[in-house]
Amino acid sequence: MRFLLTYLLVVVMALWSPGIPLAFAEDASKLSSDALSGESAILIDATTGQVLFEKNPHEKLYPASITKIATGIYAIEKGNPDDIVTVSKKARYEEGTRVYLGEGEQIPLRKLEYGLLMHSGNDAATAIAEHMSQTTERFADELNAYLLEKVGVTETHFANAHGLHDPNHYTTASDMAKIARYAMTNPIFREIVGTNRLPWDGMEWKSELINHNKLLRDYEGATGIKNGFTDQAMHTLVGSAKRGNTEFIAVTMKAGASAYAYKDVTKMLDYGFAHFDTKQVAPNGKAYTHAAVPGNDAQITYSTMDNLYATVPKGTEPLVELTDDGHLLVQAGDLQITYPLMRHDPPQAPVNEKAMTSSQTLKKHPVVEYGLLFVWLGLNLFMISYTVLRTRRFRRVRRRDLQRRAY
């Protein structure tokens, strides 16, 4: 009986275990919304931004600490990493996860960014916000404006720098994927979120930061990014991984448990790597031409303005062609996408001055043209005057002849 109970207990624990398996055994050949625990999710190509899978991607939800992705990239791009930040009382006693900053502690902004993104320090977030914008409220306003300008988010409003619950603090999986994609183009941000361990020597806390993102240790090719949790948001996770030239970003929000969030992201990443490749379709500056007018030798040239990439089904080669309206059309499997090109009109044929006729040369000069007009008018007046005079003379002679005959 004891053996049977032990066996059942082992089976139940194996099935229920919340740990993250190194290789989830689920079939990655298919992915459906029902297979994910999160209420909202999305998978995109980090290079092209193409959406490869989505589940309620525009549902506004609470983000929890994945907010710090936005705070982190803002601090990196707008702040001076060598600035010395003085920790306020408000930052020192911020609730939730902390890196245990001391009140009055002076710490470089660069170090706070590591504490923010690796250890999810809410105190680090508040210290950054107060340093950059004087108040956390003003920081939130500036952060929202920055995200609108740089990323183009339309479904996001952040009320603080850390993601602690606020009814007016929300985003969507779609916007978070865009924010993460933008942030990962910054090498400093990428380095921080990809750091697994880092010594921490603070005024009140001396330890080693271990990145809260378990993907860095458990998923092949993981490059970042950030997890989060509050009672209202539940579990959120933005994960990224790169293999070869292909990198994906996956987002899940409002998952019921941490293990479920990691499973969601792992399933999406597995699906991406099993089905898609990122391929360059044209280098920067590549030229394409077609006739300006059918039957005419003149050609209009178009060129790419950047290196162009497309996410294509695995095993397929993209077909590339120039459209009549000057776009580059890329097709591969079900994919059909267009890229704008820069237009270069054909040069105007040079004018050969020596080949011009004398009349053409004269017409080039307004003074000559007016002179010819006056000459023409003068000739016409002369002819009219001459005709009038001749007529009068003829009448006088005729009248004289008639008078002589009368006598």
Protein backbone atom coordinates (compact mmCIF):
# COMPACT_ATOMS: atom_id res chain seq x y z
CA MET A 1 0.00 0.00 0.00
CA ARG A 2 2.84 2.37 0.92
CA PHE A 3 4.53 1.59 -2.42
CA LEU A 4 1.31 2.38 -4.31
CA LEU A 5 0.85 5.71 -2.53
CA THR A 6 4.47 6.65 -3.16
CA TYR A 7 4.10 5.77 -6.85
CA LEU A 8 0.94 7.88 -7.17
CA LEU A 9 2.62 10.80 -5.39
CA VAL A 10 5.59 10.68 -7.78
CA VAL A 11 3.27 10.61 -10.81
CA VAL A 12 1.19 13.54 -9.52
CA MET A 13 4.31 15.59 -8.77
CA ALA A 14 5.75 14.86 -12.20
CA LEU A 15 2.55 16.00 -13.90
CA TRP A 16 2.01 19.05 -11.72
CA SER A 17 5.60 20.27 -11.25
CA PRO A 18 5.79 24.03 -11.82
CA GLY A 19 9.42 23.91 -12.90
CA ILE A 20 10.36 24.85 -16.43
CA PRO A 21 11.33 21.81 -18.53
CA LEU A 22 14.38 22.32 -20.72
CA ALA A 23 12.55 21.01 -23.75
CA PHE A 24 8.77 21.10 -23.67
CA ALA A 25 7.48 17.96 -25.31
CA GLU A 26 4.43 19.61 -26.87
CA ASP A 27 4.24 19.35 -30.64
CA ALA A 28 5.60 22.60 -32.05
CA SER A 29 4.22 21.92 -35.52
CA LYS A 30 0.92 23.57 -34.57
CA LEU A 31 0.01 26.42 -32.29
CA SER A 32 -3.47 27.51 -31.31
CA SER A 33 -4.82 30.06 -28.88
CA ASP A 34 -6.21 27.28 -26.71
CA ALA A 35 -2.69 25.91 -26.24
CA LEU A 36 -1.63 29.04 -24.34
CA SER A 37 -2.55 29.88 -20.75
CA GLY A 38 -2.12 33.63 -21.03
CA GLU A 39 -5.16 35.74 -21.78
CA SER A 40 -3.20 37.64 -24.43
CA ALA A 41 -0.10 36.67 -26.42
CA ILE A 42 1.90 37.47 -29.54
CA LEU A 43 4.95 36.23 -31.44
CA ILE A 44 6.92 38.51 -33.77
CA ASP A 45 10.16 38.42 -35.72
CA ALA A 46 12.58 40.73 -33.91
CA THR A 47 14.21 41.82 -37.17
CA THR A 48 11.20 42.41 -39.41
CA GLY A 49 8.44 42.96 -36.88
CA GLN A 50 6.19 40.52 -38.74
CA VAL A 51 3.48 38.99 -36.56
CA LEU A 52 3.63 35.19 -36.70
CA PHE A 53 1.05 34.30 -34.05
CA GLU A 54 -1.35 36.23 -31.86
CA LYS A 55 -4.04 35.73 -29.26
CA ASN A 56 -6.14 38.75 -28.21
CA PRO A 57 -3.10 40.96 -28.98
CA HIS A 58 -4.93 44.27 -28.50
CA GLU A 59 -6.61 43.52 -25.17
CA LYS A 60 -5.59 46.16 -22.63
CA LEU A 61 -4.13 44.48 -19.55
CA TYR A 62 -1.91 45.35 -16.59
CA PRO A 63 1.76 44.70 -17.43
CA ALA A 64 3.39 44.46 -13.98
CA SER A 65 7.20 44.57 -14.17
CA ILE A 66 7.54 44.21 -17.94
CA THR A 67 6.92 47.96 -17.67
CA LYS A 68 10.62 48.13 -16.79
CA ILE A 69 11.50 47.30 -20.40
CA ALA A 70 10.19 50.75 -21.31
CA THR A 71 11.78 52.43 -18.29
CA GLY A 72 15.10 50.76 -19.04
CA ILE A 73 15.38 51.75 -22.69
CA TYR A 74 14.25 55.29 -21.84
CA ALA A 75 16.94 55.62 -19.16
CA ILE A 76 19.59 54.22 -21.50
CA GLU A 77 18.72 56.50 -24.41
CA LYS A 78 17.84 59.67 -22.52
CA GLY A 79 20.12 59.45 -19.49
CA ASN A 80 23.86 59.74 -18.90
CA PRO A 81 25.12 56.36 -17.62
CA ASP A 82 27.83 58.10 -15.58
CA ASP A 83 25.36 60.32 -13.73
CA ILE A 84 25.41 59.78 -9.97
CA VAL A 85 21.88 59.26 -8.64
CA THR A 86 21.06 60.13 -5.04
CA VAL A 87 18.45 57.74 -3.66
CA SER A 88 15.43 59.42 -2.06
CA LYS A 89 13.39 58.25 0.89
CA LYS A 90 10.54 57.42 -1.48
CA ALA A 91 12.79 55.19 -3.57
CA ARG A 92 14.31 53.58 -0.47
CA TYR A 93 10.91 52.47 0.82
CA GLU A 94 9.32 51.52 -2.49
CA GLU A 95 7.27 48.35 -2.10
CA GLY A 96 7.74 45.05 -3.87
CA THR A 97 10.95 43.62 -5.33
CA ARG A 98 13.99 45.74 -4.47
CA VAL A 99 17.76 45.87 -4.76
CA TYR A 100 17.72 47.40 -1.25
CA LEU A 101 19.00 50.86 -2.02
CA GLY A 102 19.80 53.00 1.01
CA GLU A 103 18.34 56.44 1.55
CA GLY A 104 20.96 58.98 0.47
CA GLU A 105 23.00 56.29 -1.31
CA GLN A 106 24.77 57.59 -4.39
CA ILE A 107 24.90 55.17 -7.26
CA PRO A 108 25.67 55.45 -11.01
CA LEU A 109 22.69 55.42 -13.33
CA ARG A 110 24.30 52.55 -15.26
CA LYS A 111 24.25 50.36 -12.14
CA LEU A 112 20.61 51.20 -11.46
CA GLU A 113 19.73 50.03 -14.98
CA TYR A 114 21.16 46.59 -14.17
CA GLY A 115 19.26 46.49 -10.88
CA LEU A 116 16.10 47.52 -12.74
CA LEU A 117 16.23 45.02 -15.61
CA MET A 118 18.02 42.05 -14.05
CA HIS A 119 16.59 42.03 -10.52
CA SER A 120 13.39 44.00 -11.24
CA GLY A 121 14.14 46.53 -8.52
CA ASN A 122 11.16 48.81 -7.92
CA ASP A 123 13.39 51.06 -5.82
CA ALA A 124 15.78 51.34 -8.78
CA ALA A 125 12.85 52.30 -11.03
CA THR A 126 11.74 55.10 -8.71
CA ALA A 127 15.30 56.36 -8.26
CA ILE A 128 15.73 56.50 -12.04
CA ALA A 129 12.41 58.29 -12.52
CA GLU A 130 13.13 60.93 -9.88
CA HIS A 131 16.64 61.51 -11.20
CA MET A 132 15.51 61.98 -14.79
CA SER A 133 12.26 63.87 -14.28
CA GLN A 134 12.26 65.15 -10.67
CA THR A 135 8.93 63.41 -9.97
CA THR A 136 7.60 59.96 -10.82
CA GLU A 137 4.44 61.51 -12.27
CA ARG A 138 6.37 63.69 -14.69
CA PHE A 139 8.54 60.71 -15.61
CA ALA A 140 5.44 58.72 -16.57
CA ASP A 141 4.25 61.54 -18.82
CA GLU A 142 7.65 61.81 -20.50
CA LEU A 143 7.88 58.04 -20.86
CA ASN A 144 4.50 57.87 -22.60
CA ALA A 145 5.49 60.66 -25.00
CA TYR A 146 8.78 58.91 -25.73
CA LEU A 147 7.07 55.58 -26.49
CA LEU A 148 4.60 57.29 -28.79
CA GLU A 149 7.38 59.05 -30.69
CA LYS A 150 9.97 56.26 -30.85
CA VAL A 151 7.82 53.13 -31.00
CA GLY A 152 4.44 54.35 -32.18
CA VAL A 153 2.41 52.61 -29.48
CA THR A 154 -1.30 53.42 -29.45
CA GLU A 155 -2.68 51.11 -26.76
CA THR A 156 -0.38 51.92 -23.85
CA HIS A 157 -0.49 54.29 -20.91
CA PHE A 158 2.02 54.00 -18.10
CA ALA A 159 1.39 55.72 -14.78
CA ASN A 160 4.71 54.79 -13.13
CA ALA A 161 8.20 53.48 -13.87
CA HIS A 162 7.99 50.07 -12.20
CA GLY A 163 4.62 48.50 -13.02
CA LEU A 164 3.12 48.29 -9.54
CA HIS A 165 -0.65 48.27 -9.87
CA ASP A 166 -2.44 51.41 -10.95
CA PRO A 167 -5.86 51.32 -12.67
CA ASN A 168 -4.53 53.76 -15.27
CA HIS A 169 -1.40 51.72 -16.01
CA TYR A 170 -2.00 49.36 -18.92
CA THR A 171 -0.70 48.08 -22.24
CA THR A 172 -1.27 45.26 -24.75
CA ALA A 173 0.75 42.29 -25.91
CA SER A 174 1.03 43.95 -29.32
CA ASP A 175 2.47 47.17 -27.91
CA MET A 176 4.81 45.32 -25.55
CA ALA A 177 6.22 43.36 -28.48
CA LYS A 178 6.88 46.64 -30.31
CA ILE A 179 8.51 48.19 -27.24
CA ALA A 180 10.68 45.12 -26.70
CA ARG A 181 11.67 44.99 -30.36
CA TYR A 182 12.74 48.64 -30.27
CA ALA A 183 14.64 48.18 -27.01
CA MET A 184 16.54 45.17 -28.33
CA THR A 185 18.02 47.27 -31.14
CA ASN A 186 20.04 49.07 -28.46
CA PRO A 187 23.26 47.13 -27.68
CA ILE A 188 23.44 48.36 -24.08
CA PHE A 189 19.88 47.27 -23.34
CA ARG A 190 20.54 43.94 -25.05
CA GLU A 191 23.66 43.39 -22.98
CA ILE A 192 21.86 44.12 -19.68
CA VAL A 193 18.84 41.86 -20.27
CA GLY A 194 21.16 39.12 -21.52
CA THR A 195 23.34 39.20 -18.39
CA ASN A 196 22.72 36.16 -16.18
CA ARG A 197 24.68 37.06 -13.03
CA LEU A 198 26.29 40.23 -11.71
CA PRO A 199 27.98 41.11 -8.37
CA TRP A 200 26.10 43.78 -6.42
CA ASP A 201 27.89 45.93 -3.86
CA GLY A 202 25.41 48.41 -2.40
CA MET A 203 25.32 50.49 0.75
CA GLU A 204 22.77 48.21 2.42
CA TRP A 205 22.96 45.07 0.28
CA LYS A 206 25.98 43.14 -0.92
CA SER A 207 25.07 40.15 -3.01
CA GLU A 208 24.94 38.80 -6.55
CA LEU A 209 22.15 39.67 -8.95
CA ILE A 210 20.69 36.64 -10.70
CA ASN A 211 18.55 37.59 -13.66
CA HIS A 212 14.89 36.87 -12.88
CA ASN A 213 14.31 35.76 -16.48
CA LYS A 214 14.69 31.97 -16.34
CA LEU A 215 14.75 31.68 -20.13
CA LEU A 216 18.40 32.76 -20.06
CA ARG A 217 19.24 29.51 -18.28
CA ASP A 218 16.61 27.18 -19.67
CA TYR A 219 16.05 28.01 -23.33
CA GLU A 220 18.55 27.56 -26.16
CA GLY A 221 19.58 30.86 -27.67
CA ALA A 222 17.66 33.02 -25.17
CA THR A 223 18.64 36.70 -25.35
CA GLY A 224 16.19 38.31 -22.86
CA ILE A 225 13.99 40.00 -21.79
CA LYS A 226 11.78 40.50 -18.67
CA ASN A 227 9.13 38.88 -16.47
CA GLY A 228 6.58 40.44 -14.13
CA PHE A 229 3.89 39.76 -11.54
CA THR A 230 1.26 41.57 -9.51
CA ASP A 231 -1.98 40.23 -8.09
CA GLN A 232 -3.96 42.21 -10.66
CA ALA A 233 -1.73 41.62 -13.70
CA MET A 234 -0.98 38.01 -12.73
CA HIS A 235 2.09 36.65 -14.57
CA THR A 236 3.52 38.46 -17.57
CA LEU A 237 6.59 37.60 -19.61
CA VAL A 238 8.44 38.98 -22.63
CA GLY A 239 11.00 36.52 -23.94
CA SER A 240 13.41 36.56 -26.85
CA ALA A 241 15.75 34.02 -28.43
CA LYS A 242 18.09 33.95 -31.41
CA ARG A 243 19.37 31.04 -33.47
CA GLY A 244 21.50 31.77 -36.49
CA ASN A 245 20.19 34.92 -38.17
CA THR A 246 16.66 34.50 -36.82
CA GLU A 247 15.43 36.08 -33.58
CA PHE A 248 11.90 36.04 -32.19
CA ILE A 249 10.14 37.98 -29.43
CA ALA A 250 7.20 36.40 -27.61
CA VAL A 251 4.84 38.07 -25.13
CA THR A 252 2.28 36.51 -22.81
CA MET A 253 0.08 38.43 -20.36
CA LYS A 254 -2.21 37.45 -17.53
CA ALA A 255 -1.05 33.85 -17.19
CA GLY A 256 -2.24 31.97 -14.10
CA ALA A 257 1.21 30.90 -12.88
CA SER A 258 4.85 31.63 -13.59
CA ALA A 259 5.34 28.16 -15.09
CA TYR A 260 2.41 28.73 -17.45
CA ALA A 261 3.89 32.03 -18.63
CA TYR A 262 7.22 30.38 -19.42
CA LYS A 263 5.46 27.53 -21.18
CA ASP A 264 3.51 30.02 -23.30
CA VAL A 265 6.64 31.85 -24.38
CA THR A 266 8.53 28.62 -24.99
CA LYS A 267 5.73 27.24 -27.16
CA MET A 268 5.67 30.40 -29.24
CA LEU A 269 9.45 30.49 -29.66
CA ASP A 270 9.51 26.78 -30.56
CA TYR A 271 6.79 27.41 -33.12
CA GLY A 272 8.75 30.29 -34.62
CA PHE A 273 12.01 28.37 -34.96
CA ALA A 274 10.22 25.32 -36.37
CA HIS A 275 8.40 27.22 -39.11
CA PHE A 276 10.17 30.45 -40.07
CA ASP A 277 13.49 31.91 -41.15
CA THR A 278 14.59 35.53 -41.40
CA LYS A 279 16.18 36.19 -44.77
CA GLN A 280 17.67 39.26 -46.37
CA VAL A 281 15.80 40.12 -49.56
CA ALA A 282 17.84 43.17 -50.62
CA PRO A 283 20.92 45.04 -49.40
CA ASN A 284 20.94 48.76 -48.72
CA GLY A 285 21.25 50.79 -51.91
CA LYS A 286 20.31 48.04 -54.35
CA ALA A 287 18.88 49.52 -57.56
CA TYR A 288 15.83 48.41 -59.54
CA THR A 289 14.76 49.94 -62.84
CA HIS A 290 11.88 49.94 -65.29
CA ALA A 291 10.99 51.98 -68.37
CA ALA A 292 9.73 55.49 -67.71
CA VAL A 293 7.45 55.24 -70.75
CA PRO A 294 6.73 51.98 -72.62
CA GLY A 295 8.74 51.89 -75.83
CA ASN A 296 11.15 54.59 -74.59
CA ASP A 297 14.76 53.90 -73.62
CA ALA A 298 14.55 56.25 -70.61
CA GLN A 299 14.36 54.39 -67.28
CA ILE A 300 13.25 55.24 -63.76
CA THR A 301 15.54 53.86 -61.09
CA TYR A 302 14.48 52.90 -57.57
CA SER A 303 16.79 51.93 -54.71
CA THR A 304 16.45 50.42 -51.25
CA MET A 305 16.93 52.77 -48.31
CA ASP A 306 18.11 50.07 -45.88
CA ASN A 307 18.89 46.39 -45.67
CA LEU A 308 15.55 44.65 -46.23
CA TYR A 309 14.56 41.41 -44.54
CA ALA A 310 11.50 39.18 -44.60
CA THR A 311 10.29 36.36 -42.39
CA VAL A 312 9.61 33.45 -44.72
CA PRO A 313 8.30 29.90 -44.20
CA LYS A 314 11.13 27.49 -43.58
CA GLY A 315 12.52 25.96 -46.76
CA THR A 316 11.21 28.67 -49.09
CA GLU A 317 13.07 31.33 -51.06
CA PRO A 318 11.44 34.76 -51.33
CA LEU A 319 10.49 36.03 -54.80
CA VAL A 320 11.30 39.71 -55.26
CA GLU A 321 9.96 42.04 -57.95
CA LEU A 322 9.53 45.75 -58.60
CA THR A 323 5.92 46.96 -58.79
CA ASP A 324 4.71 49.61 -61.23
CA ASP A 325 4.25 52.11 -58.41
CA GLY A 326 7.84 51.75 -57.20
CA HIS A 327 7.58 49.25 -54.35
CA LEU A 328 9.49 46.04 -53.78
CA LEU A 329 7.07 43.12 -53.60
CA VAL A 330 8.28 40.08 -51.65
CA GLN A 331 6.41 36.79 -51.84
CA ALA A 332 7.14 33.48 -50.14
CA GLY A 333 4.47 30.90 -49.37
CA ASP A 334 1.54 32.77 -47.84
CA LEU A 335 3.72 35.80 -47.21
CA GLN A 336 3.18 38.89 -49.33
CA ILE A 337 4.74 42.12 -48.21
CA THR A 338 5.82 45.36 -49.89
CA TYR A 339 8.62 47.77 -49.06
CA PRO A 340 8.79 51.42 -50.25
CA LEU A 341 11.78 52.39 -52.39
CA MET A 342 13.50 55.68 -53.18
CA ARG A 343 12.79 56.98 -56.69
CA HIS A 344 15.49 58.43 -58.95
CA ASP A 345 14.07 60.08 -62.08
CA PRO A 346 16.04 59.77 -65.35
CA PRO A 347 18.39 62.75 -65.95
CA GLN A 348 17.31 65.40 -68.45
CA ALA A 349 19.12 65.28 -71.83
CA PRO A 350 21.80 68.03 -72.02
CA VAL A 351 21.13 70.92 -74.42
CA ASN A 352 23.70 71.24 -77.27
CA GLU A 353 24.16 74.98 -77.68
CA LYS A 354 26.14 74.67 -80.94
CA ALA A 355 23.40 72.64 -82.57
CA MET A 356 20.77 75.27 -81.98
CA THR A 357 19.55 77.24 -85.07
CA SER A 358 19.87 81.00 -85.24
CA SER A 359 16.13 81.40 -84.73
CA GLN A 360 16.26 79.23 -81.61
CA THR A 361 19.18 81.28 -80.33
CA LEU A 362 17.29 84.51 -80.91
CA LYS A 363 14.22 83.22 -79.13
CA LYS A 364 16.27 82.58 -76.04
CA HIS A 365 16.66 86.39 -75.56
CA PRO A 366 13.55 88.46 -74.67
CA VAL A 367 15.18 91.73 -75.87
CA VAL A 368 15.69 90.27 -79.35
CA GLU A 369 12.16 88.93 -79.42
CA TYR A 370 10.72 92.39 -78.56
CA GLY A 371 12.99 94.00 -81.17
CA LEU A 372 11.66 91.72 -83.86
CA LEU A 373 8.13 92.57 -82.80
CA PHE A 374 8.78 96.32 -83.11
CA VAL A 375 10.38 95.86 -86.53
CA TRP A 376 7.35 93.92 -87.68
CA LEU A 377 5.00 96.61 -86.37
CA GLY A 378 7.09 99.32 -88.01
CA LEU A 379 6.94 97.60 -91.37
CA ASN A 380 3.19 97.27 -91.07
CA LEU A 381 2.81 100.98 -90.22
CA PHE A 382 5.03 101.92 -93.15
CA MET A 383 2.95 99.83 -95.57
CA ILE A 384 -0.29 101.34 -94.24
CA SER A 385 1.08 104.92 -94.51
CA TYR A 386 2.45 104.29 -97.97
CA THR A 387 -0.90 102.90 -99.15
CA VAL A 388 -2.81 105.89 -97.72
CA LEU A 389 -0.46 108.40 -99.35
CA ARG A 390 -0.64 106.65 -102.73
CA THR A 391 -4.43 106.66 -102.56
CA ARG A 392 -4.59 110.41 -101.78
CA ARG A 393 -2.14 111.23 -104.57
CA PHE A 394 -4.12 109.19 -107.05
CA ARG A 395 -7.34 111.05 -106.09
CA ARG A 396 -5.67 114.50 -106.51
CA VAL A 397 -4.36 113.62 -109.96
CA ARG A 398 -7.72 112.28 -111.04
CA ARG A 399 -9.53 115.39 -109.75
CA ARG A 400 -7.12 117.67 -111.68
CA ASP A 401 -7.64 115.70 -114.88
CA LEU A 402 -11.37 116.03 -114.59
CA GLN A 403 -11.16 119.81 -114.10
CA ARG A 404 -9.03 120.22 -117.21
CA ARG A 405 -11.50 118.32 -119.30
CA ALA A 406 -14.32 120.58 -118.11
CA TYR A 407 -12.63 123.60 -119.66
